[in-house]
C-alpha atoms as a PDB file:
ATOM      1  CA  MET A   1      32.290 -22.869 131.436  1.00  0.00           C
ATOM      2  CA  ARG A   2      30.210 -23.694 134.393  1.00  0.00           C
ATOM      3  CA  LEU A   3      33.309 -22.580 136.923  1.00  0.00           C
ATOM      4  CA  TRP A   4      33.899 -19.231 135.447  1.00  0.00           C
ATOM      5  CA  LYS A   5      30.111 -18.385 135.771  1.00  0.00           C
ATOM      6  CA  VAL A   6      30.226 -19.324 139.361  1.00  0.00           C
ATOM      7  CA  GLU A   7      33.253 -17.493 139.935  1.00  0.00           C
ATOM      8  CA  LEU A   8      31.982 -14.371 138.244  1.00  0.00           C
ATOM      9  CA  GLN A   9      29.072 -14.295 140.481  1.00  0.00           C
ATOM     10  CA  LYS A  10      31.030 -14.732 143.423  1.00  0.00           C
ATOM     11  CA  LEU A  11      33.034 -11.390 141.947  1.00  0.00           C
ATOM     12  CA  ALA A  12      29.620  -9.670 141.454  1.00  0.00           C
ATOM     13  CA  ASP A  13      28.452 -10.549 144.925  1.00  0.00           C
ATOM     14  CA  GLU A  14      31.429  -9.312 146.543  1.00  0.00           C
ATOM     15  CA  THR A  15      31.968  -6.426 144.774  1.00  0.00           C
ATOM     16  CA  GLY A  16      28.285  -5.407 144.475  1.00  0.00           C
ATOM     17  CA  LEU A  17      29.047  -4.760 141.188  1.00  0.00           C
ATOM     18  CA  PRO A  18      26.078  -5.710 138.345  1.00  0.00           C
ATOM     19  CA  ILE A  19      27.812  -7.865 136.048  1.00  0.00           C
ATOM     20  CA  LYS A  20      26.924  -8.459 132.337  1.00  0.00           C
ATOM     21  CA  VAL A  21      28.371 -10.887 130.032  1.00  0.00           C
ATOM     22  CA  CYS A  22      27.851 -11.117 126.041  1.00  0.00           C
ATOM     23  CA  HIS A  23      29.273 -13.881 124.397  1.00  0.00           C
ATOM     24  CA  TYR A  24      30.504 -13.916 120.849  1.00  0.00           C
ATOM     25  CA  PRO A  25      29.944 -17.252 118.722  1.00  0.00           C
ATOM     26  CA  PRO A  26      33.208 -18.914 117.774  1.00  0.00           C
ATOM     27  CA  GLY A  27      35.071 -16.836 114.991  1.00  0.00           C
ATOM     28  CA  THR A  28      33.103 -13.900 115.099  1.00  0.00           C
ATOM     29  CA  SER A  29      36.088 -11.561 116.946  1.00  0.00           C
ATOM     30  CA  LYS A  30      35.642  -8.859 114.030  1.00  0.00           C
ATOM     31  CA  TRP A  31      32.385  -8.108 115.809  1.00  0.00           C
ATOM     32  CA  ASN A  32      33.760  -7.298 119.093  1.00  0.00           C
ATOM     33  CA  LYS A  33      34.624  -3.612 118.569  1.00  0.00           C
ATOM     34  CA  ILE A  34      37.243  -3.210 121.065  1.00  0.00           C
ATOM     35  CA  GLU A  35      39.140  -6.592 120.152  1.00  0.00           C
ATOM     36  CA  HIS A  36      39.152  -5.294 116.435  1.00  0.00           C
ATOM     37  CA  ARG A  37      40.193  -1.880 116.903  1.00  0.00           C
ATOM     38  CA  LEU A  38      43.158  -3.266 119.063  1.00  0.00           C
ATOM     39  CA  PHE A  39      44.379  -6.214 117.288  1.00  0.00           C
ATOM     40  CA  CYS A  40      45.681  -4.422 114.101  1.00  0.00           C
ATOM     41  CA  HIS A  41      48.000  -2.214 116.312  1.00  0.00           C
ATOM     42  CA  ILE A  42      49.164  -4.967 118.462  1.00  0.00           C
ATOM     43  CA  THR A  43      50.332  -7.058 115.353  1.00  0.00           C
ATOM     44  CA  GLN A  44      51.958  -3.771 114.091  1.00  0.00           C
ATOM     45  CA  ASN A  45      53.743  -3.208 117.337  1.00  0.00           C
ATOM     46  CA  TRP A  46      55.348  -6.712 117.061  1.00  0.00           C
ATOM     47  CA  ARG A  47      56.254  -6.708 113.202  1.00  0.00           C
ATOM     48  CA  ALA A  48      59.049  -8.188 112.432  1.00  0.00           C
ATOM     49  CA  LYS A  49      60.209  -8.739 116.366  1.00  0.00           C
ATOM     50  CA  PRO A  50      60.672 -12.236 117.702  1.00  0.00           C
ATOM     51  CA  LEU A  51      58.256 -13.153 119.861  1.00  0.00           C
ATOM     52  CA  ALA A  52      60.665 -15.380 121.723  1.00  0.00           C
ATOM     53  CA  ASP A  53      59.149 -15.799 125.050  1.00  0.00           C
ATOM     54  CA  ARG A  54      55.751 -14.914 126.873  1.00  0.00           C
ATOM     55  CA  ALA A  55      57.469 -11.880 128.770  1.00  0.00           C
ATOM     56  CA  ALA A  56      58.505 -10.523 125.241  1.00  0.00           C
ATOM     57  CA  VAL A  57      54.758 -10.708 123.842  1.00  0.00           C
ATOM     58  CA  VAL A  58      53.656  -9.193 127.222  1.00  0.00           C
ATOM     59  CA  GLU A  59      56.283  -6.283 126.556  1.00  0.00           C
ATOM     60  CA  LEU A  60      55.201  -5.616 123.088  1.00  0.00           C
ATOM     61  CA  ILE A  61      51.383  -5.717 123.804  1.00  0.00           C
ATOM     62  CA  ALA A  62      51.943  -3.385 126.588  1.00  0.00           C
ATOM     63  CA  ALA A  63      53.928  -1.010 124.612  1.00  0.00           C
ATOM     64  CA  THR A  64      51.188  -0.830 122.137  1.00  0.00           C
ATOM     65  CA  THR A  65      49.336   2.887 121.642  1.00  0.00           C
ATOM     66  CA  THR A  66      47.229   4.333 118.724  1.00  0.00           C
ATOM     67  CA  LYS A  67      47.524   7.795 117.391  1.00  0.00           C
ATOM     68  CA  THR A  68      43.974   8.516 119.112  1.00  0.00           C
ATOM     69  CA  GLY A  69      46.010   7.982 122.486  1.00  0.00           C
ATOM     70  CA  LEU A  70      44.404   4.766 123.413  1.00  0.00           C
ATOM     71  CA  LYS A  71      47.246   2.557 125.343  1.00  0.00           C
ATOM     72  CA  VAL A  72      47.300  -1.109 125.783  1.00  0.00           C
ATOM     73  CA  GLU A  73      47.628  -2.812 129.418  1.00  0.00           C
ATOM     74  CA  CYS A  74      48.960  -5.737 129.683  1.00  0.00           C
ATOM     75  CA  GLU A  75      50.359  -7.882 132.323  1.00  0.00           C
ATOM     76  CA  LEU A  76      51.465 -11.611 132.349  1.00  0.00           C
ATOM     77  CA  ASP A  77      49.568 -13.860 135.239  1.00  0.00           C
ATOM     78  CA  THR A  78      52.037 -16.141 136.861  1.00  0.00           C
ATOM     79  CA  ARG A  79      49.601 -17.755 139.328  1.00  0.00           C
ATOM     80  CA  THR A  80      49.415 -21.246 139.323  1.00  0.00           C
ATOM     81  CA  TYR A  81      45.200 -22.840 138.888  1.00  0.00           C
ATOM     82  CA  GLN A  82      43.687 -25.997 139.959  1.00  0.00           C
ATOM     83  CA  LYS A  83      42.586 -28.172 137.166  1.00  0.00           C
ATOM     84  CA  GLY A  84      39.650 -30.542 137.385  1.00  0.00           C
ATOM     85  CA  ILE A  85      37.315 -28.400 139.768  1.00  0.00           C
ATOM     86  CA  LYS A  86      33.757 -29.937 139.133  1.00  0.00           C
ATOM     87  CA  VAL A  87      30.658 -27.522 139.428  1.00  0.00           C
ATOM     88  CA  SER A  88      27.580 -29.177 140.035  1.00  0.00           C
ATOM     89  CA  ASP A  89      24.070 -28.184 138.897  1.00  0.00           C
ATOM     90  CA  ALA A  90      23.365 -26.803 142.438  1.00  0.00           C
ATOM     91  CA  GLU A  91      26.088 -24.450 142.344  1.00  0.00           C
ATOM     92  CA  THR A  92      25.327 -22.990 138.794  1.00  0.00           C
ATOM     93  CA  GLY A  93      21.727 -21.656 140.517  1.00  0.00           C
ATOM     94  CA  PRO A  94      19.470 -20.473 138.086  1.00  0.00           C
ATOM     95  CA  PHE A  95      21.622 -20.183 134.938  1.00  0.00           C
ATOM     96  CA  LYS A  96      22.026 -22.917 132.929  1.00  0.00           C
ATOM     97  CA  GLU A  97      24.946 -24.071 130.622  1.00  0.00           C
ATOM     98  CA  SER A  98      24.664 -23.636 127.297  1.00  0.00           C
ATOM     99  CA  GLY A  99      27.372 -24.032 124.471  1.00  0.00           C
ATOM    100  CA  PRO A 100      30.665 -25.597 124.920  1.00  0.00           C
END
């Protein structure tokens, strides 16, 4: 979580955009209105279809639309990310780590 926060701050600094993050507690995705509204459409779209590999999942998610015209965009991130990166207290700056 610390690395994510540091990298998010770098993005905000590079783009000049203010970024605000709201965390939902575990098990409360029902309160995330966007996720709640989209997930039922995504699951309906892939009902009875084999999720054989990641490409199939991405294609089915990306093919999801709603009656009101909402279209889901999805792509597979195939980049390799370095593991085990440690972030020091000094690098985190003014924000404090909370939660897992």
